[in-house]
């Protein structure tokens, strides 16, 4: 999250992008089981960028969180939303192949940040700047 804030600062987007950390959404306020947690949302005008983050590196959990992220970004942001999947799994290409089968328009509107991206902080900030600048 600090890297996202730094990327916003470096790009001079502080007035354009608002960040919301770790909050719970209710699809139906009367039905508590309809809740889900969002790790980070960047709001840029009418567009939202949802970040789903895990420190786990296992195939099952990273895949599960990624599918949930694709589903939730569609619910929250409509056709202009983007998803950024952050995880500690090696090899984002394999995760990307696993997500192809998900029936969602948001498959193409997602970025995956994995262990190899997290090793170099400067590279991570640059990648986040690119994600935040693009429409």
N, C-alpha and C. Protein backbone atom coordinates (compact mmCIF):
# COMPACT_ATOMS: atom_id res chain seq x y z
N UNK A 1 0.82 -1.18 0.00
CA UNK A 1 0.00 0.00 0.00
C UNK A 1 0.87 1.25 0.00
N UNK A 2 1.98 1.17 0.69
CA UNK A 2 2.90 2.31 0.70
C UNK A 2 3.42 2.57 -0.71
N UNK A 3 3.70 1.50 -1.46
CA UNK A 3 4.18 1.65 -2.83
C UNK A 3 3.13 2.33 -3.71
N UNK A 4 1.85 2.02 -3.49
CA UNK A 4 0.78 2.67 -4.26
C UNK A 4 0.76 4.16 -3.94
N UNK A 5 0.86 4.49 -2.66
CA UNK A 5 0.88 5.90 -2.26
C UNK A 5 2.08 6.62 -2.87
N UNK A 6 3.23 5.96 -2.88
CA UNK A 6 4.42 6.56 -3.47
C UNK A 6 4.26 6.76 -4.98
N UNK A 7 3.66 5.79 -5.65
CA UNK A 7 3.42 5.91 -7.09
C UNK A 7 2.49 7.09 -7.38
N UNK A 8 1.46 7.27 -6.58
CA UNK A 8 0.53 8.40 -6.75
C UNK A 8 1.27 9.71 -6.56
N UNK A 9 2.10 9.78 -5.54
CA UNK A 9 2.87 10.99 -5.26
C UNK A 9 3.83 11.31 -6.40
N UNK A 10 4.58 10.30 -6.88
CA UNK A 10 5.56 10.50 -7.95
C UNK A 10 4.92 10.97 -9.24
N UNK A 11 3.71 10.52 -9.51
CA UNK A 11 3.03 10.90 -10.75
C UNK A 11 2.25 12.20 -10.61
N UNK A 12 2.26 12.79 -9.42
CA UNK A 12 1.51 14.03 -9.21
C UNK A 12 0.01 13.82 -9.30
N UNK A 13 -0.45 12.64 -8.90
CA UNK A 13 -1.87 12.29 -9.00
C UNK A 13 -2.61 12.39 -7.66
N UNK A 14 -1.97 13.02 -6.68
CA UNK A 14 -2.54 13.06 -5.33
C UNK A 14 -3.92 13.71 -5.31
N UNK A 15 -4.14 14.72 -6.14
CA UNK A 15 -5.45 15.39 -6.18
C UNK A 15 -6.46 14.62 -7.02
N UNK A 16 -5.99 13.75 -7.90
CA UNK A 16 -6.86 12.99 -8.80
C UNK A 16 -7.31 11.64 -8.24
N UNK A 17 -6.48 11.01 -7.43
CA UNK A 17 -6.75 9.65 -6.97
C UNK A 17 -6.92 9.63 -5.46
N UNK A 18 -8.01 9.04 -5.02
CA UNK A 18 -8.26 8.85 -3.59
C UNK A 18 -8.11 7.37 -3.27
N UNK A 19 -7.48 7.07 -2.14
CA UNK A 19 -7.27 5.68 -1.73
C UNK A 19 -8.16 5.34 -0.54
N UNK A 20 -8.69 4.13 -0.56
CA UNK A 20 -9.50 3.61 0.54
C UNK A 20 -8.92 2.25 0.90
N UNK A 21 -8.51 2.10 2.18
CA UNK A 21 -7.84 0.90 2.66
C UNK A 21 -8.80 0.00 3.44
N UNK A 22 -8.69 -1.29 3.24
CA UNK A 22 -9.33 -2.32 4.06
C UNK A 22 -10.71 -1.95 4.58
N UNK A 23 -11.70 -2.14 3.75
CA UNK A 23 -13.06 -1.86 4.19
C UNK A 23 -13.98 -3.00 3.78
N UNK A 24 -15.12 -3.06 4.43
CA UNK A 24 -16.10 -4.12 4.20
C UNK A 24 -17.24 -3.55 3.37
N UNK A 25 -17.64 -4.29 2.34
CA UNK A 25 -18.77 -3.92 1.49
C UNK A 25 -19.94 -4.86 1.78
N UNK A 26 -21.13 -4.34 1.75
CA UNK A 26 -22.34 -5.15 1.93
C UNK A 26 -23.17 -5.05 0.65
N UNK A 27 -23.43 -6.18 0.02
CA UNK A 27 -24.30 -6.18 -1.15
C UNK A 27 -25.75 -5.99 -0.73
N UNK A 28 -26.08 -6.47 0.46
CA UNK A 28 -27.41 -6.30 1.03
C UNK A 28 -27.21 -5.97 2.50
N UNK A 29 -27.50 -4.73 2.89
CA UNK A 29 -27.22 -4.31 4.27
C UNK A 29 -28.00 -5.09 5.31
N UNK A 30 -29.09 -5.75 4.93
CA UNK A 30 -29.89 -6.55 5.86
C UNK A 30 -29.42 -7.99 5.96
N UNK A 31 -28.49 -8.38 5.12
CA UNK A 31 -28.03 -9.76 5.08
C UNK A 31 -26.51 -9.77 5.27
N UNK A 32 -26.06 -10.04 6.48
CA UNK A 32 -24.64 -9.93 6.82
C UNK A 32 -23.73 -10.86 6.02
N UNK A 33 -24.26 -11.99 5.54
CA UNK A 33 -23.43 -12.91 4.78
C UNK A 33 -23.10 -12.38 3.38
N UNK A 34 -23.70 -11.27 3.00
CA UNK A 34 -23.42 -10.70 1.69
C UNK A 34 -22.19 -9.79 1.72
N UNK A 35 -21.50 -9.77 2.83
CA UNK A 35 -20.35 -8.87 2.96
C UNK A 35 -19.08 -9.49 2.37
N UNK A 36 -18.20 -8.59 1.94
CA UNK A 36 -16.87 -9.00 1.52
C UNK A 36 -15.91 -7.86 1.82
N UNK A 37 -14.64 -8.21 1.95
CA UNK A 37 -13.63 -7.21 2.29
C UNK A 37 -12.82 -6.84 1.06
N UNK A 38 -12.54 -5.57 0.94
CA UNK A 38 -11.68 -5.07 -0.12
C UNK A 38 -10.39 -4.59 0.53
N UNK A 39 -9.25 -4.98 -0.04
CA UNK A 39 -7.96 -4.60 0.55
C UNK A 39 -7.63 -3.14 0.29
N UNK A 40 -7.76 -2.72 -0.96
CA UNK A 40 -7.41 -1.35 -1.33
C UNK A 40 -8.16 -0.97 -2.59
N UNK A 41 -8.70 0.24 -2.60
CA UNK A 41 -9.36 0.78 -3.80
C UNK A 41 -8.76 2.15 -4.09
N UNK A 42 -8.40 2.35 -5.34
CA UNK A 42 -7.99 3.67 -5.81
C UNK A 42 -9.14 4.20 -6.66
N UNK A 43 -9.65 5.35 -6.31
CA UNK A 43 -10.74 5.98 -7.04
C UNK A 43 -10.17 7.12 -7.86
N UNK A 44 -10.29 6.99 -9.18
CA UNK A 44 -9.73 7.97 -10.12
C UNK A 44 -10.87 8.46 -11.01
N UNK A 45 -11.47 9.58 -10.63
CA UNK A 45 -12.65 10.06 -11.34
C UNK A 45 -13.77 9.05 -11.17
N UNK A 46 -14.29 8.55 -12.28
CA UNK A 46 -15.37 7.55 -12.25
C UNK A 46 -14.83 6.12 -12.23
N UNK A 47 -13.54 5.96 -12.37
CA UNK A 47 -12.94 4.63 -12.47
C UNK A 47 -12.41 4.18 -11.11
N UNK A 48 -12.65 2.89 -10.78
CA UNK A 48 -12.03 2.33 -9.59
C UNK A 48 -11.01 1.28 -10.00
N UNK A 49 -9.96 1.23 -9.21
CA UNK A 49 -8.95 0.19 -9.35
C UNK A 49 -8.94 -0.56 -8.03
N UNK A 50 -9.33 -1.82 -8.08
CA UNK A 50 -9.41 -2.65 -6.88
C UNK A 50 -8.13 -3.46 -6.77
N UNK A 51 -7.52 -3.43 -5.60
CA UNK A 51 -6.32 -4.21 -5.32
C UNK A 51 -6.70 -5.34 -4.38
N UNK A 52 -6.46 -6.57 -4.80
CA UNK A 52 -6.64 -7.71 -3.91
C UNK A 52 -5.24 -8.21 -3.57
N UNK A 53 -4.97 -8.32 -2.28
CA UNK A 53 -3.60 -8.60 -1.83
C UNK A 53 -3.58 -9.82 -0.90
N UNK A 54 -2.55 -10.64 -1.08
CA UNK A 54 -2.32 -11.74 -0.15
C UNK A 54 -0.82 -11.98 -0.03
N UNK A 55 -0.41 -12.37 1.16
CA UNK A 55 0.99 -12.74 1.36
C UNK A 55 1.18 -14.23 1.14
N UNK A 56 0.10 -14.92 0.81
CA UNK A 56 0.16 -16.36 0.58
C UNK A 56 0.78 -16.63 -0.79
N UNK A 57 1.43 -17.78 -0.91
CA UNK A 57 2.03 -18.15 -2.19
C UNK A 57 1.47 -19.47 -2.73
N UNK A 58 0.48 -20.05 -2.04
CA UNK A 58 -0.05 -21.33 -2.50
C UNK A 58 -0.98 -21.13 -3.70
N UNK A 59 -0.96 -22.09 -4.57
CA UNK A 59 -1.75 -22.02 -5.79
C UNK A 59 -3.24 -21.85 -5.50
N UNK A 60 -3.76 -22.63 -4.58
CA UNK A 60 -5.19 -22.61 -4.29
C UNK A 60 -5.69 -21.27 -3.79
N UNK A 61 -5.02 -20.70 -2.81
CA UNK A 61 -5.49 -19.44 -2.23
C UNK A 61 -5.29 -18.27 -3.18
N UNK A 62 -4.17 -18.21 -3.86
CA UNK A 62 -3.96 -17.09 -4.78
C UNK A 62 -4.96 -17.14 -5.94
N UNK A 63 -5.25 -18.33 -6.41
CA UNK A 63 -6.23 -18.48 -7.48
C UNK A 63 -7.63 -18.10 -6.99
N UNK A 64 -7.98 -18.56 -5.80
CA UNK A 64 -9.29 -18.26 -5.22
C UNK A 64 -9.47 -16.75 -5.01
N UNK A 65 -8.46 -16.09 -4.44
CA UNK A 65 -8.55 -14.64 -4.23
C UNK A 65 -8.61 -13.88 -5.55
N UNK A 66 -7.93 -14.40 -6.57
CA UNK A 66 -7.95 -13.75 -7.88
C UNK A 66 -9.33 -13.85 -8.52
N UNK A 67 -9.94 -15.04 -8.45
CA UNK A 67 -11.30 -15.20 -8.98
C UNK A 67 -12.29 -14.30 -8.23
N UNK A 68 -12.15 -14.27 -6.91
CA UNK A 68 -13.04 -13.39 -6.14
C UNK A 68 -12.82 -11.93 -6.54
N UNK A 69 -11.57 -11.53 -6.74
CA UNK A 69 -11.28 -10.16 -7.17
C UNK A 69 -11.93 -9.83 -8.49
N UNK A 70 -11.87 -10.75 -9.47
CA UNK A 70 -12.52 -10.52 -10.76
C UNK A 70 -14.02 -10.35 -10.60
N UNK A 71 -14.61 -11.16 -9.74
CA UNK A 71 -16.04 -11.08 -9.49
C UNK A 71 -16.41 -9.77 -8.79
N UNK A 72 -15.65 -9.39 -7.76
CA UNK A 72 -15.97 -8.19 -6.97
C UNK A 72 -15.75 -6.90 -7.75
N UNK A 73 -14.70 -6.86 -8.57
CA UNK A 73 -14.45 -5.63 -9.32
C UNK A 73 -15.60 -5.36 -10.29
N UNK A 74 -16.17 -6.42 -10.83
CA UNK A 74 -17.32 -6.28 -11.72
C UNK A 74 -18.53 -5.75 -10.96
N UNK A 75 -18.75 -6.26 -9.75
CA UNK A 75 -19.87 -5.79 -8.92
C UNK A 75 -19.71 -4.33 -8.52
N UNK A 76 -18.51 -3.95 -8.18
CA UNK A 76 -18.29 -2.61 -7.64
C UNK A 76 -18.14 -1.52 -8.68
N UNK A 77 -17.46 -1.82 -9.77
CA UNK A 77 -17.04 -0.73 -10.64
C UNK A 77 -17.58 -0.71 -12.05
N UNK A 78 -18.32 -1.73 -12.43
CA UNK A 78 -18.83 -1.73 -13.80
C UNK A 78 -17.72 -1.88 -14.83
N UNK A 79 -18.03 -1.47 -16.04
CA UNK A 79 -17.13 -1.74 -17.17
C UNK A 79 -15.83 -0.95 -17.16
N UNK A 80 -15.74 0.10 -16.37
CA UNK A 80 -14.52 0.91 -16.36
C UNK A 80 -13.55 0.52 -15.24
N UNK A 81 -13.91 -0.43 -14.43
CA UNK A 81 -13.08 -0.82 -13.28
C UNK A 81 -11.89 -1.66 -13.73
N UNK A 82 -10.86 -1.65 -12.88
CA UNK A 82 -9.67 -2.47 -13.11
C UNK A 82 -9.35 -3.23 -11.85
N UNK A 83 -8.65 -4.34 -12.01
CA UNK A 83 -8.24 -5.16 -10.89
C UNK A 83 -6.72 -5.32 -10.91
N UNK A 84 -6.13 -5.19 -9.73
CA UNK A 84 -4.70 -5.48 -9.57
C UNK A 84 -4.57 -6.57 -8.52
N UNK A 85 -4.05 -7.71 -8.93
CA UNK A 85 -3.90 -8.88 -8.06
C UNK A 85 -2.46 -8.90 -7.55
N UNK A 86 -2.29 -8.76 -6.23
CA UNK A 86 -0.96 -8.75 -5.63
C UNK A 86 -0.82 -10.00 -4.77
N UNK A 87 0.22 -10.81 -5.05
CA UNK A 87 0.40 -12.05 -4.30
C UNK A 87 1.88 -12.43 -4.27
N UNK A 88 2.18 -13.43 -3.48
CA UNK A 88 3.57 -13.88 -3.31
C UNK A 88 3.88 -15.14 -4.11
N UNK A 89 3.03 -15.48 -5.03
CA UNK A 89 3.22 -16.68 -5.85
C UNK A 89 4.28 -16.42 -6.92
N UNK A 90 5.09 -17.41 -7.18
CA UNK A 90 6.07 -17.33 -8.27
C UNK A 90 5.34 -17.57 -9.60
N UNK A 91 5.73 -16.90 -10.63
CA UNK A 91 5.22 -17.17 -11.97
C UNK A 91 3.82 -16.68 -12.22
N UNK A 92 3.67 -15.41 -12.53
CA UNK A 92 2.34 -14.86 -12.79
C UNK A 92 1.72 -15.40 -14.06
N UNK A 93 2.52 -15.94 -14.96
CA UNK A 93 1.98 -16.48 -16.21
C UNK A 93 1.03 -17.65 -15.95
N UNK A 94 1.39 -18.50 -14.99
CA UNK A 94 0.53 -19.64 -14.67
C UNK A 94 -0.81 -19.16 -14.10
N UNK A 95 -0.77 -18.20 -13.20
CA UNK A 95 -2.01 -17.64 -12.63
C UNK A 95 -2.84 -17.00 -13.73
N UNK A 96 -2.20 -16.29 -14.62
CA UNK A 96 -2.91 -15.65 -15.73
C UNK A 96 -3.62 -16.70 -16.59
N UNK A 97 -2.96 -17.81 -16.88
CA UNK A 97 -3.59 -18.89 -17.67
C UNK A 97 -4.79 -19.48 -16.93
N UNK A 98 -4.68 -19.60 -15.61
CA UNK A 98 -5.78 -20.17 -14.83
C UNK A 98 -7.01 -19.25 -14.83
N UNK A 99 -6.80 -17.96 -14.97
CA UNK A 99 -7.91 -17.00 -14.92
C UNK A 99 -8.60 -16.82 -16.27
N UNK A 100 -8.00 -17.30 -17.34
CA UNK A 100 -8.57 -17.13 -18.67
C UNK A 100 -10.00 -17.68 -18.75
N UNK A 101 -10.25 -18.78 -18.07
CA UNK A 101 -11.57 -19.41 -18.14
C UNK A 101 -12.67 -18.66 -17.43
N UNK A 102 -12.33 -17.65 -16.64
CA UNK A 102 -13.35 -16.90 -15.90
C UNK A 102 -14.16 -16.06 -16.88
N UNK A 103 -15.46 -16.22 -16.85
CA UNK A 103 -16.33 -15.51 -17.78
C UNK A 103 -16.55 -14.08 -17.29
N UNK A 104 -15.62 -13.22 -17.63
CA UNK A 104 -15.70 -11.84 -17.16
C UNK A 104 -15.05 -10.91 -18.17
N UNK A 105 -15.65 -9.76 -18.33
CA UNK A 105 -15.04 -8.72 -19.17
C UNK A 105 -13.78 -8.17 -18.51
N UNK A 106 -13.62 -8.43 -17.23
CA UNK A 106 -12.52 -7.84 -16.48
C UNK A 106 -11.25 -8.66 -16.53
N UNK A 107 -11.31 -9.81 -17.19
CA UNK A 107 -10.09 -10.58 -17.34
C UNK A 107 -9.02 -9.73 -18.02
N UNK A 108 -9.42 -8.95 -19.01
CA UNK A 108 -8.47 -8.10 -19.75
C UNK A 108 -8.12 -6.83 -18.99
N UNK A 109 -8.91 -6.46 -18.00
CA UNK A 109 -8.70 -5.23 -17.23
C UNK A 109 -8.04 -5.54 -15.89
N UNK A 110 -7.07 -6.43 -15.91
CA UNK A 110 -6.41 -6.79 -14.67
C UNK A 110 -4.90 -6.83 -14.86
N UNK A 111 -4.23 -6.62 -13.76
CA UNK A 111 -2.77 -6.73 -13.71
C UNK A 111 -2.43 -7.69 -12.58
N UNK A 112 -1.38 -8.44 -12.77
CA UNK A 112 -0.91 -9.34 -11.72
C UNK A 112 0.47 -8.88 -11.27
N UNK A 113 0.59 -8.69 -9.96
CA UNK A 113 1.88 -8.37 -9.36
C UNK A 113 2.23 -9.56 -8.47
N UNK A 114 3.32 -10.23 -8.79
CA UNK A 114 3.69 -11.43 -8.04
C UNK A 114 5.07 -11.26 -7.40
N UNK A 115 5.54 -12.33 -6.81
CA UNK A 115 6.78 -12.29 -6.03
C UNK A 115 7.92 -11.63 -6.79
N UNK A 116 8.10 -11.95 -8.07
CA UNK A 116 9.23 -11.39 -8.81
C UNK A 116 9.11 -9.86 -8.95
N UNK A 117 7.89 -9.33 -9.00
CA UNK A 117 7.69 -7.87 -9.08
C UNK A 117 7.97 -7.20 -7.74
N UNK A 118 7.75 -7.93 -6.66
CA UNK A 118 7.89 -7.36 -5.32
C UNK A 118 9.34 -7.32 -4.84
N UNK A 119 10.23 -8.00 -5.55
CA UNK A 119 11.64 -8.05 -5.13
C UNK A 119 12.35 -6.71 -5.33
N UNK A 120 11.92 -5.95 -6.33
CA UNK A 120 12.57 -4.68 -6.66
C UNK A 120 11.56 -3.55 -6.42
N UNK A 121 11.75 -2.82 -5.33
CA UNK A 121 10.78 -1.79 -4.93
C UNK A 121 10.63 -0.71 -6.00
N UNK A 122 11.72 -0.27 -6.61
CA UNK A 122 11.63 0.77 -7.64
C UNK A 122 10.83 0.28 -8.84
N UNK A 123 11.05 -0.99 -9.24
CA UNK A 123 10.27 -1.58 -10.34
C UNK A 123 8.79 -1.65 -9.96
N UNK A 124 8.51 -2.03 -8.71
CA UNK A 124 7.13 -2.12 -8.25
C UNK A 124 6.44 -0.76 -8.33
N UNK A 125 7.09 0.28 -7.87
CA UNK A 125 6.50 1.62 -7.92
C UNK A 125 6.25 2.04 -9.37
N UNK A 126 7.20 1.74 -10.26
CA UNK A 126 7.02 2.07 -11.69
C UNK A 126 5.82 1.32 -12.26
N UNK A 127 5.71 0.05 -11.94
CA UNK A 127 4.58 -0.75 -12.44
C UNK A 127 3.25 -0.19 -11.91
N UNK A 128 3.23 0.19 -10.64
CA UNK A 128 2.01 0.78 -10.06
C UNK A 128 1.68 2.12 -10.70
N UNK A 129 2.70 2.92 -10.99
CA UNK A 129 2.46 4.20 -11.69
C UNK A 129 1.80 3.95 -13.03
N UNK A 130 2.30 2.96 -13.77
CA UNK A 130 1.71 2.62 -15.08
C UNK A 130 0.25 2.18 -14.94
N UNK A 131 -0.03 1.38 -13.92
CA UNK A 131 -1.39 0.92 -13.69
C UNK A 131 -2.31 2.09 -13.36
N UNK A 132 -1.85 2.99 -12.51
CA UNK A 132 -2.68 4.11 -12.08
C UNK A 132 -2.88 5.15 -13.17
N UNK A 133 -1.90 5.30 -14.08
CA UNK A 133 -2.03 6.27 -15.15
C UNK A 133 -2.94 5.82 -16.28
N UNK A 134 -2.97 4.52 -16.53
CA UNK A 134 -3.73 4.02 -17.68
C UNK A 134 -5.23 4.07 -17.41
N UNK A 135 -5.98 4.12 -18.46
CA UNK A 135 -7.46 4.13 -18.38
C UNK A 135 -8.00 2.80 -18.81
